[in-house]
Amino acid sequence: MRTTAVRALRTAAVCALPCTAALAAPSAAALAPQAPPAVSVTVEVTDGADDTEAGRRLDYRITVHNLGAEAVHGARIEQRMPATTTSATASRGLVQGHGMGRQTVTWRSDLPAHDVQVFTASAVLGDRPGSAPSAAPGTLRAAATACVYVDGNYAPAACSGDVDDLPESRADAGGGHWGWWAAAAAVAALLGPGVVRAVRRARGVRRA
């Protein structure tokens, strides 16, 4: 009888080990750190124009779309205005920076899953001095960019840009006139001595 009881206890202990492991496995999985859901957002910025000029106001529309199945909390939407912006305004946004090339607008917002949100801002452009910084070096363009930042990251999750052509500045146009006069003066300096000699020869022939 004692031997039978011992065998029964051993059998129960052997069966209990897999059961205990099976019960402990879900608990360990629950305690393991879970990877955050992937964030998938897009942003588009446009002012509805292809060209602009100094003194004109540009009205920007920034559209942010959360493509993911999870909400994004505390997203930061930031727009950098064109380099020649003299003043900027934004609905529900914070305008920062003063002077040309330093105007930015920031919004803070939650982005529900599969939701689309629209933000608006305006910029008034000034003349483009030759020393002004440009978002598009070597070109005459008014460039604006909009980016979305999530989870406090410094790298944007998405960015978009809008570019408008600018006319030649007045300074450049004036420089063109001065260039023409300079070229004319150079031609006169080269041809002047020859013209004088030709006139003197003609007078000498007439006197003879």
N, C-alpha and C. Protein backbone atom coordinates (compact mmCIF):
# COMPACT_ATOMS: atom_id res chain seq x y z
N MET A 1 0.83 -1.19 0.00
CA MET A 1 0.00 0.00 0.00
C MET A 1 0.87 1.26 0.00
N ARG A 2 1.92 1.20 0.80
CA ARG A 2 2.80 2.37 0.86
C ARG A 2 3.47 2.61 -0.49
N THR A 3 3.89 1.53 -1.18
CA THR A 3 4.53 1.67 -2.49
C THR A 3 3.58 2.27 -3.51
N THR A 4 2.32 1.83 -3.46
CA THR A 4 1.32 2.37 -4.39
C THR A 4 1.10 3.86 -4.14
N ALA A 5 1.06 4.27 -2.89
CA ALA A 5 0.86 5.68 -2.56
C ALA A 5 2.02 6.54 -3.04
N VAL A 6 3.24 6.00 -2.91
CA VAL A 6 4.42 6.74 -3.35
C VAL A 6 4.39 6.94 -4.85
N ARG A 7 4.02 5.87 -5.60
CA ARG A 7 3.93 5.98 -7.07
C ARG A 7 2.88 7.01 -7.48
N ALA A 8 1.78 7.06 -6.78
CA ALA A 8 0.71 8.02 -7.11
C ALA A 8 1.18 9.46 -6.90
N LEU A 9 1.94 9.68 -5.82
CA LEU A 9 2.46 11.02 -5.56
C LEU A 9 3.45 11.45 -6.64
N ARG A 10 4.33 10.48 -7.06
CA ARG A 10 5.30 10.80 -8.11
C ARG A 10 4.60 11.16 -9.42
N THR A 11 3.55 10.39 -9.75
CA THR A 11 2.81 10.65 -10.99
C THR A 11 2.15 12.02 -10.95
N ALA A 12 1.58 12.39 -9.83
CA ALA A 12 0.94 13.69 -9.69
C ALA A 12 1.94 14.83 -9.81
N ALA A 13 3.15 14.61 -9.26
CA ALA A 13 4.18 15.65 -9.33
C ALA A 13 4.64 15.85 -10.75
N VAL A 14 4.82 14.71 -11.50
CA VAL A 14 5.25 14.81 -12.90
C VAL A 14 4.21 15.54 -13.73
N CYS A 15 2.94 15.28 -13.50
CA CYS A 15 1.87 15.95 -14.25
C CYS A 15 1.76 17.43 -13.88
N ALA A 16 2.12 17.76 -12.64
CA ALA A 16 1.97 19.14 -12.19
C ALA A 16 3.00 20.07 -12.82
N LEU A 17 4.18 19.53 -13.16
CA LEU A 17 5.24 20.38 -13.72
C LEU A 17 4.83 21.02 -15.05
N PRO A 18 4.34 20.26 -16.06
CA PRO A 18 3.92 20.91 -17.30
C PRO A 18 2.76 21.88 -17.11
N CYS A 19 1.86 21.54 -16.20
CA CYS A 19 0.72 22.43 -15.95
C CYS A 19 1.18 23.76 -15.37
N THR A 20 2.16 23.69 -14.43
CA THR A 20 2.68 24.92 -13.82
C THR A 20 3.40 25.77 -14.86
N ALA A 21 4.17 25.12 -15.74
CA ALA A 21 4.87 25.86 -16.79
C ALA A 21 3.90 26.52 -17.75
N ALA A 22 2.82 25.80 -18.07
CA ALA A 22 1.82 26.35 -18.98
C ALA A 22 1.12 27.55 -18.38
N LEU A 23 0.88 27.50 -17.08
CA LEU A 23 0.24 28.64 -16.41
C LEU A 23 1.18 29.82 -16.27
N ALA A 24 2.48 29.55 -16.10
CA ALA A 24 3.44 30.63 -15.90
C ALA A 24 3.79 31.33 -17.21
N ALA A 25 3.67 30.61 -18.34
CA ALA A 25 4.06 31.18 -19.63
C ALA A 25 3.28 32.44 -19.98
N PRO A 26 1.95 32.46 -19.87
CA PRO A 26 1.24 33.69 -20.19
C PRO A 26 1.62 34.86 -19.30
N SER A 27 1.92 34.58 -18.04
CA SER A 27 2.31 35.64 -17.13
C SER A 27 3.62 36.27 -17.56
N ALA A 28 4.58 35.44 -17.98
CA ALA A 28 5.87 35.95 -18.44
C ALA A 28 5.69 36.78 -19.72
N ALA A 29 4.82 36.34 -20.60
CA ALA A 29 4.59 37.08 -21.84
C ALA A 29 3.94 38.42 -21.56
N ALA A 30 3.06 38.43 -20.55
CA ALA A 30 2.39 39.68 -20.22
C ALA A 30 3.35 40.68 -19.62
N LEU A 31 4.39 40.17 -18.90
CA LEU A 31 5.36 41.06 -18.28
C LEU A 31 6.40 41.57 -19.27
N ALA A 32 6.56 40.90 -20.41
CA ALA A 32 7.57 41.31 -21.39
C ALA A 32 7.17 42.65 -22.00
N PRO A 33 8.14 43.54 -22.27
CA PRO A 33 7.82 44.85 -22.87
C PRO A 33 7.24 44.69 -24.27
N GLN A 34 6.18 45.42 -24.52
CA GLN A 34 5.51 45.36 -25.81
C GLN A 34 6.01 46.48 -26.71
N ALA A 35 6.27 46.17 -27.97
CA ALA A 35 6.73 47.17 -28.93
C ALA A 35 5.58 48.13 -29.24
N PRO A 36 5.86 49.44 -29.28
CA PRO A 36 4.80 50.40 -29.59
C PRO A 36 4.30 50.20 -31.01
N PRO A 37 3.03 50.46 -31.25
CA PRO A 37 2.49 50.30 -32.60
C PRO A 37 3.17 51.25 -33.57
N ALA A 38 3.34 50.81 -34.79
CA ALA A 38 3.99 51.63 -35.80
C ALA A 38 3.14 52.85 -36.11
N VAL A 39 3.80 54.01 -36.23
CA VAL A 39 3.10 55.26 -36.54
C VAL A 39 3.18 55.50 -38.04
N SER A 40 2.06 55.77 -38.64
CA SER A 40 2.01 56.02 -40.08
C SER A 40 1.17 57.27 -40.32
N VAL A 41 1.84 58.38 -40.60
CA VAL A 41 1.15 59.63 -40.84
C VAL A 41 1.69 60.26 -42.13
N THR A 42 0.84 61.06 -42.77
CA THR A 42 1.26 61.83 -43.94
C THR A 42 0.89 63.30 -43.71
N VAL A 43 1.60 64.20 -44.40
CA VAL A 43 1.31 65.63 -44.29
C VAL A 43 1.45 66.25 -45.67
N GLU A 44 0.60 67.21 -45.96
CA GLU A 44 0.65 67.93 -47.23
C GLU A 44 0.43 69.41 -46.96
N VAL A 45 1.24 70.27 -47.57
CA VAL A 45 1.09 71.72 -47.40
C VAL A 45 0.99 72.37 -48.77
N THR A 46 0.04 73.29 -48.92
CA THR A 46 -0.14 74.00 -50.18
C THR A 46 -0.78 75.35 -49.92
N ASP A 47 -0.46 76.32 -50.80
CA ASP A 47 -1.10 77.63 -50.70
C ASP A 47 -1.97 77.92 -51.92
N GLY A 48 -2.12 76.91 -52.78
CA GLY A 48 -2.98 77.05 -53.93
C GLY A 48 -2.44 77.96 -55.02
N ALA A 49 -1.16 78.30 -54.98
CA ALA A 49 -0.56 79.19 -55.98
C ALA A 49 0.74 78.59 -56.49
N ASP A 50 1.15 79.06 -57.67
CA ASP A 50 2.40 78.62 -58.27
C ASP A 50 3.46 79.72 -58.30
N ASP A 51 3.03 80.97 -58.18
CA ASP A 51 3.97 82.08 -58.15
C ASP A 51 3.46 83.16 -57.21
N THR A 52 4.35 84.03 -56.79
CA THR A 52 3.98 85.08 -55.83
C THR A 52 4.92 86.26 -56.01
N GLU A 53 4.78 87.27 -55.15
CA GLU A 53 5.62 88.46 -55.22
C GLU A 53 5.63 89.15 -53.86
N ALA A 54 6.53 90.10 -53.69
CA ALA A 54 6.63 90.83 -52.43
C ALA A 54 5.34 91.58 -52.15
N GLY A 55 4.92 91.55 -50.88
CA GLY A 55 3.70 92.22 -50.46
C GLY A 55 2.47 91.35 -50.53
N ARG A 56 2.60 90.18 -51.13
CA ARG A 56 1.44 89.29 -51.25
C ARG A 56 1.30 88.39 -50.03
N ARG A 57 0.05 88.07 -49.67
CA ARG A 57 -0.20 87.15 -48.55
C ARG A 57 -0.48 85.76 -49.10
N LEU A 58 0.19 84.78 -48.53
CA LEU A 58 -0.01 83.39 -48.91
C LEU A 58 -0.78 82.67 -47.81
N ASP A 59 -1.86 82.01 -48.16
CA ASP A 59 -2.68 81.27 -47.20
C ASP A 59 -2.40 79.78 -47.35
N TYR A 60 -1.77 79.20 -46.33
CA TYR A 60 -1.36 77.80 -46.38
C TYR A 60 -2.41 76.89 -45.73
N ARG A 61 -2.52 75.69 -46.30
CA ARG A 61 -3.41 74.66 -45.76
C ARG A 61 -2.56 73.41 -45.53
N ILE A 62 -2.46 72.99 -44.27
CA ILE A 62 -1.66 71.82 -43.90
C ILE A 62 -2.61 70.69 -43.53
N THR A 63 -2.54 69.59 -44.27
CA THR A 63 -3.43 68.44 -44.06
C THR A 63 -2.63 67.28 -43.50
N VAL A 64 -3.02 66.80 -42.32
CA VAL A 64 -2.34 65.69 -41.65
C VAL A 64 -3.28 64.50 -41.59
N HIS A 65 -2.81 63.34 -42.03
CA HIS A 65 -3.63 62.13 -42.06
C HIS A 65 -2.94 61.02 -41.26
N ASN A 66 -3.63 60.53 -40.24
CA ASN A 66 -3.13 59.39 -39.47
C ASN A 66 -3.64 58.12 -40.14
N LEU A 67 -2.76 57.39 -40.79
CA LEU A 67 -3.14 56.18 -41.52
C LEU A 67 -3.21 54.96 -40.62
N GLY A 68 -2.68 55.06 -39.40
CA GLY A 68 -2.61 53.91 -38.52
C GLY A 68 -3.91 53.61 -37.79
N ALA A 69 -3.94 52.42 -37.19
CA ALA A 69 -5.11 51.98 -36.44
C ALA A 69 -5.06 52.42 -34.99
N GLU A 70 -3.98 53.10 -34.58
CA GLU A 70 -3.83 53.59 -33.22
C GLU A 70 -3.77 55.12 -33.23
N ALA A 71 -4.34 55.73 -32.20
CA ALA A 71 -4.31 57.19 -32.09
C ALA A 71 -2.89 57.65 -31.74
N VAL A 72 -2.54 58.83 -32.22
CA VAL A 72 -1.26 59.45 -31.91
C VAL A 72 -1.53 60.64 -31.01
N HIS A 73 -0.96 60.61 -29.80
CA HIS A 73 -1.24 61.66 -28.82
C HIS A 73 -0.10 62.68 -28.78
N GLY A 74 -0.49 63.94 -28.70
CA GLY A 74 0.50 65.01 -28.55
C GLY A 74 1.41 65.20 -29.75
N ALA A 75 0.91 64.99 -30.95
CA ALA A 75 1.74 65.21 -32.14
C ALA A 75 2.06 66.70 -32.28
N ARG A 76 3.25 66.98 -32.81
CA ARG A 76 3.67 68.36 -33.06
C ARG A 76 3.76 68.58 -34.57
N ILE A 77 2.98 69.54 -35.03
CA ILE A 77 3.00 69.90 -36.46
C ILE A 77 3.70 71.24 -36.57
N GLU A 78 4.75 71.29 -37.36
CA GLU A 78 5.57 72.50 -37.46
C GLU A 78 5.72 72.92 -38.91
N GLN A 79 5.46 74.21 -39.19
CA GLN A 79 5.63 74.76 -40.53
C GLN A 79 6.69 75.85 -40.50
N ARG A 80 7.64 75.76 -41.42
CA ARG A 80 8.66 76.80 -41.59
C ARG A 80 8.25 77.67 -42.77
N MET A 81 8.11 78.97 -42.53
CA MET A 81 7.64 79.89 -43.55
C MET A 81 8.76 80.23 -44.55
N PRO A 82 8.39 80.80 -45.72
CA PRO A 82 9.41 81.19 -46.70
C PRO A 82 10.41 82.17 -46.12
N ALA A 83 11.59 82.22 -46.72
CA ALA A 83 12.68 83.03 -46.18
C ALA A 83 12.37 84.52 -46.15
N THR A 84 11.52 85.00 -47.05
CA THR A 84 11.23 86.44 -47.10
C THR A 84 9.98 86.83 -46.32
N THR A 85 9.46 85.95 -45.48
CA THR A 85 8.26 86.25 -44.70
C THR A 85 8.54 87.37 -43.70
N THR A 86 7.69 88.40 -43.73
CA THR A 86 7.83 89.51 -42.77
C THR A 86 6.87 89.36 -41.60
N SER A 87 5.73 88.70 -41.80
CA SER A 87 4.78 88.46 -40.72
C SER A 87 3.99 87.20 -41.02
N ALA A 88 3.61 86.48 -39.95
CA ALA A 88 2.87 85.23 -40.10
C ALA A 88 1.78 85.14 -39.05
N THR A 89 0.68 84.49 -39.40
CA THR A 89 -0.42 84.24 -38.48
C THR A 89 -0.87 82.79 -38.66
N ALA A 90 -1.52 82.25 -37.62
CA ALA A 90 -1.97 80.86 -37.70
C ALA A 90 -3.16 80.66 -36.78
N SER A 91 -4.16 79.96 -37.27
CA SER A 91 -5.32 79.61 -36.46
C SER A 91 -4.95 78.46 -35.52
N ARG A 92 -5.09 78.69 -34.23
CA ARG A 92 -4.80 77.68 -33.19
C ARG A 92 -3.33 77.29 -33.15
N GLY A 93 -2.46 78.08 -33.79
CA GLY A 93 -1.04 77.76 -33.80
C GLY A 93 -0.20 78.82 -33.12
N LEU A 94 1.02 78.48 -32.77
CA LEU A 94 1.95 79.38 -32.11
C LEU A 94 2.99 79.86 -33.12
N VAL A 95 3.04 81.17 -33.36
CA VAL A 95 4.00 81.76 -34.28
C VAL A 95 5.26 82.11 -33.51
N GLN A 96 6.41 81.68 -34.01
CA GLN A 96 7.68 81.94 -33.35
C GLN A 96 8.67 82.52 -34.34
N GLY A 97 9.62 83.31 -33.81
CA GLY A 97 10.67 83.89 -34.64
C GLY A 97 10.29 85.25 -35.16
N HIS A 98 11.30 86.09 -35.33
CA HIS A 98 11.10 87.44 -35.86
C HIS A 98 12.16 87.69 -36.93
N GLY A 99 11.78 88.43 -37.95
CA GLY A 99 12.70 88.74 -39.02
C GLY A 99 12.65 87.71 -40.13
N MET A 100 13.23 88.07 -41.26
CA MET A 100 13.19 87.19 -42.42
C MET A 100 13.97 85.91 -42.18
N GLY A 101 13.41 84.81 -42.68
CA GLY A 101 14.09 83.52 -42.59
C GLY A 101 13.94 82.81 -41.26
N ARG A 102 13.15 83.35 -40.32
CA ARG A 102 13.07 82.75 -38.98
C ARG A 102 11.64 82.52 -38.50
N GLN A 103 10.67 82.65 -39.37
CA GLN A 103 9.27 82.51 -38.97
C GLN A 103 8.84 81.04 -39.03
N THR A 104 8.34 80.53 -37.90
CA THR A 104 7.80 79.18 -37.85
C THR A 104 6.47 79.19 -37.10
N VAL A 105 5.65 78.20 -37.41
CA VAL A 105 4.35 78.03 -36.73
C VAL A 105 4.28 76.60 -36.20
N THR A 106 3.80 76.45 -34.96
CA THR A 106 3.72 75.13 -34.33
C THR A 106 2.31 74.88 -33.82
N TRP A 107 1.80 73.68 -34.08
CA TRP A 107 0.53 73.22 -33.53
C TRP A 107 0.78 71.96 -32.71
N ARG A 108 -0.04 71.77 -31.67
CA ARG A 108 -0.05 70.54 -30.87
C ARG A 108 -1.43 69.92 -30.99
N SER A 109 -1.48 68.63 -31.32
CA SER A 109 -2.79 68.02 -31.52
C SER A 109 -2.71 66.51 -31.39
N ASP A 110 -3.81 65.90 -30.92
CA ASP A 110 -3.96 64.45 -30.96
C ASP A 110 -4.49 64.06 -32.34
N LEU A 111 -4.01 62.94 -32.84
CA LEU A 111 -4.42 62.46 -34.16
C LEU A 111 -5.15 61.12 -33.98
N PRO A 112 -6.47 61.11 -33.97
CA PRO A 112 -7.20 59.85 -33.85
C PRO A 112 -6.87 58.89 -35.00
N ALA A 113 -7.12 57.60 -34.77
CA ALA A 113 -6.84 56.61 -35.80
C ALA A 113 -7.64 56.89 -37.06
N HIS A 114 -7.00 56.78 -38.19
CA HIS A 114 -7.63 56.96 -39.51
C HIS A 114 -8.29 58.33 -39.65
N ASP A 115 -7.77 59.33 -38.95
CA ASP A 115 -8.41 60.65 -38.96
C ASP A 115 -7.59 61.63 -39.79
N VAL A 116 -8.28 62.64 -40.36
CA VAL A 116 -7.65 63.70 -41.13
C VAL A 116 -7.90 65.03 -40.43
N GLN A 117 -6.83 65.80 -40.19
CA GLN A 117 -6.97 67.11 -39.58
C GLN A 117 -6.31 68.16 -40.45
N VAL A 118 -6.90 69.37 -40.44
CA VAL A 118 -6.43 70.46 -41.29
C VAL A 118 -6.03 71.65 -40.41
N PHE A 119 -4.86 72.24 -40.72
CA PHE A 119 -4.37 73.41 -40.01
C PHE A 119 -4.12 74.51 -41.05
N THR A 120 -4.32 75.76 -40.65
CA THR A 120 -4.17 76.87 -41.59
C THR A 120 -3.22 77.93 -41.02
N ALA A 121 -2.49 78.58 -41.93
CA ALA A 121 -1.56 79.66 -41.56
C ALA A 121 -1.40 80.59 -42.75
N SER A 122 -0.97 81.81 -42.48
CA SER A 122 -0.77 82.81 -43.53
C SER A 122 0.59 83.47 -43.36
N ALA A 123 1.17 83.89 -44.48
CA ALA A 123 2.46 84.58 -44.46
C ALA A 123 2.43 85.73 -45.44
N VAL A 124 2.99 86.88 -45.04
CA VAL A 124 3.13 88.04 -45.91
C VAL A 124 4.59 88.15 -46.30
N LEU A 125 4.86 88.24 -47.59
CA LEU A 125 6.23 88.25 -48.08
C LEU A 125 6.75 89.67 -48.25
N GLY A 126 8.05 89.83 -48.02
CA GLY A 126 8.72 91.11 -48.25
C GLY A 126 9.66 91.00 -49.43
N ASP A 127 10.39 92.09 -49.70
CA ASP A 127 11.39 92.07 -50.77
C ASP A 127 12.51 91.12 -50.40
N ARG A 128 13.16 90.58 -51.40
CA ARG A 128 14.24 89.61 -51.17
C ARG A 128 15.59 90.30 -51.28
N PRO A 129 16.19 90.69 -50.15
CA PRO A 129 17.53 91.27 -50.21
C PRO A 129 18.54 90.21 -50.60
N GLY A 130 19.64 90.68 -51.16
CA GLY A 130 20.63 89.74 -51.65
C GLY A 130 21.23 88.87 -50.57
N SER A 131 21.26 89.36 -49.31
CA SER A 131 21.86 88.60 -48.22
C SER A 131 20.87 87.73 -47.48
N ALA A 132 19.59 87.72 -47.91
CA ALA A 132 18.57 86.95 -47.18
C ALA A 132 18.81 85.47 -47.36
N PRO A 133 18.63 84.67 -46.29
CA PRO A 133 18.77 83.21 -46.44
C PRO A 133 17.63 82.68 -47.29
N SER A 134 17.86 81.57 -47.93
CA SER A 134 16.85 80.99 -48.82
C SER A 134 16.71 79.51 -48.55
N ALA A 135 15.46 79.03 -48.54
CA ALA A 135 15.23 77.60 -48.39
C ALA A 135 15.55 76.87 -49.69
N ALA A 136 15.71 77.61 -50.77
CA ALA A 136 16.07 77.02 -52.06
C ALA A 136 17.23 77.81 -52.64
N PRO A 137 18.48 77.54 -52.18
CA PRO A 137 19.64 78.34 -52.59
C PRO A 137 19.79 78.37 -54.11
N GLY A 138 20.15 79.55 -54.62
CA GLY A 138 20.39 79.69 -56.04
C GLY A 138 19.14 79.86 -56.87
N THR A 139 17.99 79.98 -56.23
CA THR A 139 16.75 80.12 -56.97
C THR A 139 15.98 81.33 -56.44
N LEU A 140 15.01 81.77 -57.23
CA LEU A 140 14.10 82.83 -56.79
C LEU A 140 12.77 82.17 -56.49
N ARG A 141 12.65 81.61 -55.31
CA ARG A 141 11.45 80.87 -54.94
C ARG A 141 11.10 81.11 -53.48
N ALA A 142 9.80 81.05 -53.19
CA ALA A 142 9.32 81.11 -51.82
C ALA A 142 8.98 79.68 -51.39
N ALA A 143 9.79 79.12 -50.51
CA ALA A 143 9.64 77.72 -50.12
C ALA A 143 9.15 77.61 -48.68
N ALA A 144 8.13 76.79 -48.46
CA ALA A 144 7.61 76.51 -47.12
C ALA A 144 7.59 75.00 -46.90
N THR A 145 7.88 74.57 -45.68
CA THR A 145 7.86 73.14 -45.36
C THR A 145 7.00 72.90 -44.13
N ALA A 146 6.38 71.72 -44.07
CA ALA A 146 5.57 71.31 -42.92
C ALA A 146 5.97 69.90 -42.54
N CYS A 147 6.19 69.66 -41.23
CA CYS A 147 6.59 68.34 -40.74
C CYS A 147 5.74 67.95 -39.53
N VAL A 148 5.61 66.64 -39.32
CA VAL A 148 4.89 66.08 -38.17
C VAL A 148 5.88 65.31 -37.31
N TYR A 149 5.89 65.61 -36.00
CA TYR A 149 6.75 64.93 -35.04
C TYR A 149 5.87 64.21 -34.02
N VAL A 150 6.23 62.96 -33.69
CA VAL A 150 5.44 62.17 -32.75
C VAL A 150 6.36 61.58 -31.68
N ASP A 151 5.78 61.32 -30.52
CA ASP A 151 6.48 60.68 -29.40
C ASP A 151 7.73 61.44 -28.97
N GLY A 152 7.73 62.75 -29.16
CA GLY A 152 8.87 63.55 -28.73
C GLY A 152 10.13 63.35 -29.55
N ASN A 153 10.04 62.71 -30.69
CA ASN A 153 11.22 62.47 -31.52
C ASN A 153 11.68 63.76 -32.20
N TYR A 154 13.00 63.87 -32.39
CA TYR A 154 13.55 65.02 -33.10
C TYR A 154 13.43 64.82 -34.61
N ALA A 155 13.43 63.56 -35.05
CA ALA A 155 13.28 63.28 -36.48
C ALA A 155 11.80 63.28 -36.83
N PRO A 156 11.41 63.94 -37.92
CA PRO A 156 9.99 64.00 -38.28
C PRO A 156 9.48 62.66 -38.79
N ALA A 157 8.20 62.40 -38.52
CA ALA A 157 7.57 61.20 -39.05
C ALA A 157 7.16 61.40 -40.50
N ALA A 158 6.92 62.65 -40.89
CA ALA A 158 6.55 62.96 -42.28
C ALA A 158 6.79 64.43 -42.54
N CYS A 159 7.12 64.78 -43.78
CA CYS A 159 7.33 66.17 -44.18
C CYS A 159 6.79 66.40 -45.58
N SER A 160 6.49 67.66 -45.87
CA SER A 160 6.03 68.04 -47.19
C SER A 160 6.43 69.49 -47.44
N GLY A 161 6.47 69.91 -48.70
CA GLY A 161 6.87 71.27 -49.03
C GLY A 161 6.02 71.89 -50.11
N ASP A 162 6.05 73.22 -50.16
CA ASP A 162 5.35 73.98 -51.19
C ASP A 162 6.29 75.07 -51.68
N VAL A 163 6.41 75.23 -53.01
CA VAL A 163 7.34 76.19 -53.60
C VAL A 163 6.60 77.07 -54.60
N ASP A 164 6.79 78.39 -54.49
CA ASP A 164 6.22 79.35 -55.43
C ASP A 164 7.35 80.14 -56.07
N ASP A 165 7.24 80.39 -57.37
CA ASP A 165 8.25 81.18 -58.08
C ASP A 165 8.11 82.65 -57.74
N LEU A 166 9.26 83.33 -57.62
CA LEU A 166 9.30 84.77 -57.35
C LEU A 166 9.84 85.50 -58.58
N PRO A 167 9.36 86.73 -58.83
CA PRO A 167 9.92 87.51 -59.94
C PRO A 167 11.30 88.02 -59.57
N GLU A 168 12.05 88.48 -60.58
CA GLU A 168 13.34 89.09 -60.31
C GLU A 168 13.15 90.32 -59.42
N SER A 169 14.05 90.52 -58.47
CA SER A 169 13.93 91.66 -57.56
C SER A 169 14.28 92.95 -58.29
N ARG A 170 13.86 94.08 -57.73
CA ARG A 170 14.16 95.38 -58.33
C ARG A 170 15.65 95.64 -58.40
N ALA A 171 16.35 95.19 -57.37
CA ALA A 171 17.80 95.40 -57.35
C ALA A 171 18.45 94.71 -58.53
N ASP A 172 17.96 93.48 -58.85
CA ASP A 172 18.52 92.76 -59.97
C ASP A 172 18.22 93.47 -61.27
N ALA A 173 16.97 94.02 -61.36
CA ALA A 173 16.60 94.72 -62.58
C ALA A 173 17.47 95.95 -62.76
N GLY A 174 17.70 96.74 -61.68
CA GLY A 174 18.56 97.91 -61.75
C GLY A 174 19.97 97.54 -62.14
N GLY A 175 20.44 96.41 -61.59
CA GLY A 175 21.76 95.95 -61.93
C GLY A 175 21.89 95.66 -63.41
N GLY A 176 20.79 95.19 -64.05
CA GLY A 176 20.82 94.91 -65.47
C GLY A 176 21.03 96.18 -66.26
N HIS A 177 20.37 97.32 -65.90
CA HIS A 177 20.56 98.58 -66.60
C HIS A 177 21.99 99.09 -66.43
N TRP A 178 22.50 99.00 -65.20
CA TRP A 178 23.87 99.44 -64.98
C TRP A 178 24.85 98.59 -65.78
N GLY A 179 24.55 97.33 -65.90
CA GLY A 179 25.41 96.46 -66.69
C GLY A 179 25.43 96.87 -68.15
N TRP A 180 24.27 97.28 -68.67
CA TRP A 180 24.21 97.72 -70.08
C TRP A 180 25.05 98.96 -70.30
N TRP A 181 24.91 99.93 -69.36
CA TRP A 181 25.70 101.16 -69.50
C TRP A 181 27.19 100.87 -69.38
N ALA A 182 27.55 99.96 -68.49
CA ALA A 182 28.97 99.61 -68.34
C ALA A 182 29.51 98.99 -69.62
N ALA A 183 28.71 98.13 -70.25
CA ALA A 183 29.14 97.51 -71.50
C ALA A 183 29.30 98.56 -72.60
N ALA A 184 28.35 99.51 -72.66
CA ALA A 184 28.44 100.57 -73.67
C ALA A 184 29.68 101.42 -73.46
N ALA A 185 30.00 101.74 -72.20
CA ALA A 185 31.20 102.53 -71.91
C ALA A 185 32.46 101.79 -72.31
N ALA A 186 32.47 100.48 -72.09
CA ALA A 186 33.66 99.70 -72.46
C ALA A 186 33.85 99.69 -73.96
N VAL A 187 32.77 99.55 -74.71
CA VAL A 187 32.86 99.57 -76.18
C VAL A 187 33.36 100.92 -76.66
N ALA A 188 32.84 102.00 -76.06
CA ALA A 188 33.27 103.35 -76.44
C ALA A 188 34.75 103.55 -76.17
N ALA A 189 35.22 103.02 -75.03
CA ALA A 189 36.64 103.16 -74.69
C ALA A 189 37.52 102.43 -75.68
N LEU A 190 37.06 101.31 -76.20
CA LEU A 190 37.86 100.55 -77.16
C LEU A 190 37.85 101.18 -78.55
N LEU A 191 36.69 101.67 -78.95
CA LEU A 191 36.55 102.20 -80.30
C LEU A 191 36.88 103.68 -80.40
N GLY A 192 36.88 104.40 -79.28
CA GLY A 192 37.09 105.84 -79.30
C GLY A 192 38.36 106.27 -79.98
N PRO A 193 39.53 105.76 -79.61
CA PRO A 193 40.78 106.19 -80.25
C PRO A 193 40.78 105.97 -81.75
N GLY A 194 40.25 104.85 -82.18
CA GLY A 194 40.20 104.58 -83.61
C GLY A 194 39.32 105.56 -84.35
N VAL A 195 38.20 105.92 -83.75
CA VAL A 195 37.29 106.89 -84.38
C VAL A 195 37.97 108.24 -84.50
N VAL A 196 38.69 108.67 -83.45
CA VAL A 196 39.38 109.97 -83.47
C VAL A 196 40.43 110.00 -84.58
N ARG A 197 41.21 108.93 -84.72
CA ARG A 197 42.24 108.89 -85.77
C ARG A 197 41.62 108.96 -87.16
N ALA A 198 40.49 108.25 -87.31
CA ALA A 198 39.83 108.27 -88.62
C ALA A 198 39.34 109.66 -88.97
N VAL A 199 38.81 110.38 -88.00
CA VAL A 199 38.33 111.75 -88.24
C VAL A 199 39.48 112.65 -88.61
N ARG A 200 40.64 112.54 -87.92
CA ARG A 200 41.80 113.37 -88.22
C ARG A 200 42.32 113.11 -89.63
N ARG A 201 42.35 111.86 -90.04
CA ARG A 201 42.80 111.52 -91.38
C ARG A 201 41.90 112.14 -92.44
N ALA A 202 40.58 112.04 -92.18
CA ALA A 202 39.62 112.63 -93.15
C ALA A 202 39.82 114.12 -93.28
N ARG A 203 40.10 114.82 -92.18
CA ARG A 203 40.33 116.26 -92.24
C ARG A 203 41.61 116.56 -93.00
N GLY A 204 42.66 115.76 -92.79
CA GLY A 204 43.92 115.98 -93.48
C GLY A 204 43.78 115.84 -94.98
N VAL A 205 42.99 114.85 -95.39
CA VAL A 205 42.78 114.63 -96.84
C VAL A 205 42.05 115.81 -97.44
N ARG A 206 41.04 116.34 -96.75
CA ARG A 206 40.28 117.48 -97.27
C ARG A 206 41.18 118.71 -97.42
N ARG A 207 42.05 118.96 -96.46
CA ARG A 207 42.94 120.13 -96.53
C ARG A 207 43.91 120.00 -97.69
N ALA A 208 44.38 118.75 -97.91
CA ALA A 208 45.32 118.56 -99.01
C ALA A 208 44.64 118.81 -100.35
